C-alpha atoms as a PDB file:
ATOM      1  CA  GLN A   1     105.068  86.815 100.343  1.00  0.00           C
ATOM      2  CA  VAL A   2     101.493  88.010 100.709  1.00  0.00           C
ATOM      3  CA  GLN A   3     101.335  91.774 100.390  1.00  0.00           C
ATOM      4  CA  VAL A   4      97.590  92.253 100.426  1.00  0.00           C
ATOM      5  CA  MET A   5      94.981  90.085 102.120  1.00  0.00           C
ATOM      6  CA  GLU A   6      91.215  90.386 101.978  1.00  0.00           C
ATOM      7  CA  SER A   7      88.615  89.005 104.349  1.00  0.00           C
ATOM      8  CA  GLY A   8      84.953  89.419 105.168  1.00  0.00           C
ATOM      9  CA  GLY A   9      83.172  87.945 102.194  1.00  0.00           C
ATOM     10  CA  GLY A  10      80.344  85.486 102.477  1.00  0.00           C
ATOM     11  CA  LEU A  11      76.736  84.701 101.725  1.00  0.00           C
ATOM     12  CA  VAL A  12      74.219  87.399 102.602  1.00  0.00           C
ATOM     13  CA  GLN A  13      70.585  88.041 101.826  1.00  0.00           C
ATOM     14  CA  ALA A  14      69.540  90.879  99.568  1.00  0.00           C
ATOM     15  CA  GLY A  15      69.116  94.064 101.544  1.00  0.00           C
ATOM     16  CA  GLY A  16      71.779  93.121 104.041  1.00  0.00           C
ATOM     17  CA  SER A  17      75.178  94.673 104.667  1.00  0.00           C
ATOM     18  CA  LEU A  18      78.734  93.453 104.611  1.00  0.00           C
ATOM     19  CA  ARG A  19      82.109  94.906 105.504  1.00  0.00           C
ATOM     20  CA  LEU A  20      85.175  93.693 103.689  1.00  0.00           C
ATOM     21  CA  SER A  21      88.655  94.163 105.118  1.00  0.00           C
ATOM     22  CA  CYS A  22      91.993  94.444 103.384  1.00  0.00           C
ATOM     23  CA  THR A  23      95.220  94.351 105.354  1.00  0.00           C
ATOM     24  CA  THR A  24      98.547  95.235 103.849  1.00  0.00           C
ATOM     25  CA  SER A  25     102.048  96.291 104.780  1.00  0.00           C
ATOM     26  CA  GLU A  26     102.850  99.635 106.362  1.00  0.00           C
ATOM     27  CA  ARG A  27     104.824 100.679 103.280  1.00  0.00           C
ATOM     28  CA  ILE A  28     102.029  99.982 100.803  1.00  0.00           C
ATOM     29  CA  PHE A  29      99.343 101.402 103.080  1.00  0.00           C
ATOM     30  CA  SER A  30     101.083 104.669 103.874  1.00  0.00           C
ATOM     31  CA  THR A  31     102.591 105.518 100.518  1.00  0.00           C
ATOM     32  CA  THR A  32     100.206 104.309  97.801  1.00  0.00           C
ATOM     33  CA  GLY A  33      96.577 104.362  96.855  1.00  0.00           C
ATOM     34  CA  MET A  34      94.441 101.357  97.618  1.00  0.00           C
ATOM     35  CA  GLY A  35      91.239 100.182  96.068  1.00  0.00           C
ATOM     36  CA  TRP A  36      88.508  97.629  95.902  1.00  0.00           C
ATOM     37  CA  PHE A  37      87.586  95.985  92.626  1.00  0.00           C
ATOM     38  CA  ARG A  38      85.082  93.306  91.793  1.00  0.00           C
ATOM     39  CA  GLN A  39      84.620  90.733  89.091  1.00  0.00           C
ATOM     40  CA  ALA A  40      81.292  89.071  88.488  1.00  0.00           C
ATOM     41  CA  PRO A  41      81.009  85.825  86.493  1.00  0.00           C
ATOM     42  CA  GLY A  42      81.465  86.511  82.812  1.00  0.00           C
ATOM     43  CA  LYS A  43      82.298  90.173  83.360  1.00  0.00           C
ATOM     44  CA  SER A  44      85.426  92.275  83.480  1.00  0.00           C
ATOM     45  CA  ARG A  45      86.986  93.416  86.701  1.00  0.00           C
ATOM     46  CA  GLU A  46      85.723  96.869  87.684  1.00  0.00           C
ATOM     47  CA  LEU A  47      86.719  99.482  90.213  1.00  0.00           C
ATOM     48  CA  VAL A  48      84.362  99.852  93.151  1.00  0.00           C
ATOM     49  CA  ALA A  49      86.191 102.467  95.227  1.00  0.00           C
ATOM     50  CA  SER A  50      89.678 103.753  95.940  1.00  0.00           C
ATOM     51  CA  ILE A  51      91.354 105.702  98.711  1.00  0.00           C
ATOM     52  CA  GLY A  52      94.609 107.605  98.721  1.00  0.00           C
ATOM     53  CA  PRO A  53      97.302 107.594 101.412  1.00  0.00           C
ATOM     54  CA  SER A  54      95.924 110.862 102.780  1.00  0.00           C
ATOM     55  CA  GLY A  55      92.389 109.493 102.928  1.00  0.00           C
ATOM     56  CA  GLY A  56      90.878 111.022  99.829  1.00  0.00           C
ATOM     57  CA  THR A  57      88.270 108.724  98.282  1.00  0.00           C
ATOM     58  CA  ASN A  58      87.095 108.083  94.757  1.00  0.00           C
ATOM     59  CA  TYR A  59      84.026 106.244  93.495  1.00  0.00           C
ATOM     60  CA  PRO A  60      83.076 105.550  89.885  1.00  0.00           C
ATOM     61  CA  ASP A  61      80.048 107.512  88.743  1.00  0.00           C
ATOM     62  CA  PHE A  62      77.899 104.428  88.368  1.00  0.00           C
ATOM     63  CA  MET A  63      78.341 103.387  92.002  1.00  0.00           C
ATOM     64  CA  GLU A  64      75.121 104.319  93.713  1.00  0.00           C
ATOM     65  CA  GLY A  65      76.285 105.347  97.169  1.00  0.00           C
ATOM     66  CA  ARG A  66      75.844 101.928  98.722  1.00  0.00           C
ATOM     67  CA  PHE A  67      79.618 101.492  98.918  1.00  0.00           C
ATOM     68  CA  THR A  68      81.887 103.246 101.411  1.00  0.00           C
ATOM     69  CA  ILE A  69      85.643 102.878 101.533  1.00  0.00           C
ATOM     70  CA  SER A  70      87.608 103.802 104.630  1.00  0.00           C
ATOM     71  CA  ARG A  71      90.945 103.111 106.254  1.00  0.00           C
ATOM     72  CA  ASP A  72      92.375 102.458 109.698  1.00  0.00           C
ATOM     73  CA  THR A  73      95.945 103.678 109.939  1.00  0.00           C
ATOM     74  CA  ALA A  74      96.752 101.828 113.148  1.00  0.00           C
ATOM     75  CA  LYS A  75      95.741  98.522 111.570  1.00  0.00           C
ATOM     76  CA  THR A  76      97.018  99.306 108.053  1.00  0.00           C
ATOM     77  CA  THR A  77      93.617  98.105 106.875  1.00  0.00           C
ATOM     78  CA  VAL A  78      91.215  99.376 104.263  1.00  0.00           C
ATOM     79  CA  TYR A  79      87.523  98.587 104.551  1.00  0.00           C
ATOM     80  CA  LEU A  80      84.674  98.417 102.075  1.00  0.00           C
ATOM     81  CA  GLN A  81      81.221  98.771 103.576  1.00  0.00           C
ATOM     82  CA  ILE A  82      78.437  97.574 101.290  1.00  0.00           C
ATOM     83  CA  ASP A  83      74.873  98.372 102.283  1.00  0.00           C
ATOM     84  CA  ASN A  84      71.545  97.291 100.843  1.00  0.00           C
ATOM     85  CA  LEU A  85      73.186  94.445  98.953  1.00  0.00           C
ATOM     86  CA  GLU A  86      71.669  93.366  95.680  1.00  0.00           C
ATOM     87  CA  PRO A  87      72.026  90.045  93.823  1.00  0.00           C
ATOM     88  CA  GLU A  88      73.940  91.980  91.158  1.00  0.00           C
ATOM     89  CA  ASP A  89      76.648  92.646  93.739  1.00  0.00           C
ATOM     90  CA  THR A  90      77.576  88.961  93.663  1.00  0.00           C
ATOM     91  CA  ALA A  91      81.223  88.835  92.641  1.00  0.00           C
ATOM     92  CA  ILE A  92      84.739  88.181  93.791  1.00  0.00           C
ATOM     93  CA  TYR A  93      85.978  91.339  95.478  1.00  0.00           C
ATOM     94  CA  TYR A  94      89.655  92.119  95.174  1.00  0.00           C
ATOM     95  CA  CYS A  95      91.772  94.569  97.088  1.00  0.00           C
ATOM     96  CA  ALA A  96      94.720  96.222  95.419  1.00  0.00           C
ATOM     97  CA  GLY A  97      97.553  98.352  96.740  1.00  0.00           C
ATOM     98  CA  GLY A  98     100.046 100.373  94.829  1.00  0.00           C
ATOM     99  CA  LEU A  99      97.455 102.323  92.867  1.00  0.00           C
ATOM    100  CA  GLY A 100      99.002 105.289  91.178  1.00  0.00           C
ATOM    101  CA  THR A 101     102.414 103.625  91.077  1.00  0.00           C
ATOM    102  CA  PRO A 102     104.059 101.409  88.455  1.00  0.00           C
ATOM    103  CA  LYS A 103     103.425  98.259  90.460  1.00  0.00           C
ATOM    104  CA  GLN A 104     100.154  97.036  91.918  1.00  0.00           C
ATOM    105  CA  PHE A 105      99.728  94.414  94.602  1.00  0.00           C
ATOM    106  CA  TRP A 106      96.624  92.263  94.410  1.00  0.00           C
ATOM    107  CA  GLY A 107      94.979  90.109  96.973  1.00  0.00           C
ATOM    108  CA  GLN A 108      93.510  86.724  96.121  1.00  0.00           C
ATOM    109  CA  GLY A 109      89.961  87.975  96.420  1.00  0.00           C
ATOM    110  CA  THR A 110      87.006  87.262  98.634  1.00  0.00           C
ATOM    111  CA  GLN A 111      83.687  85.910  97.390  1.00  0.00           C
ATOM    112  CA  VAL A 112      80.511  87.861  98.040  1.00  0.00           C
ATOM    113  CA  THR A 113      77.268  86.081  97.215  1.00  0.00           C
ATOM    114  CA  VAL A 114      73.926  87.812  97.589  1.00  0.00           C
ATOM    115  CA  SER A 115      70.816  85.662  97.680  1.00  0.00           C
ATOM    116  CA  THR A 116      67.265  86.746  96.927  1.00  0.00           C
END
């Protein structure tokens, strides 16, 4: 049973924008934190942004402000807006629910490729 599903990845030119979507169940969306992570080739998976059930957001210090996480309660969907894409943003982007709880739910990931 798929609990978390991402969409919206693709090939984009440097400087462009992309919005990723993550849809999950009502239970996961309304009661747990959700986040976006990414994993570039040869690198570890890293947190990009997270959002709590009340809408509070968190970004790692090294994220430059090009990433914006948001949520749509009616659609039980979390979004990641990425602006001014750079080749270094090329990675598989994963959505996770259940943050802050003993069990996390991971999507299968969506590929983002940024060309020069």
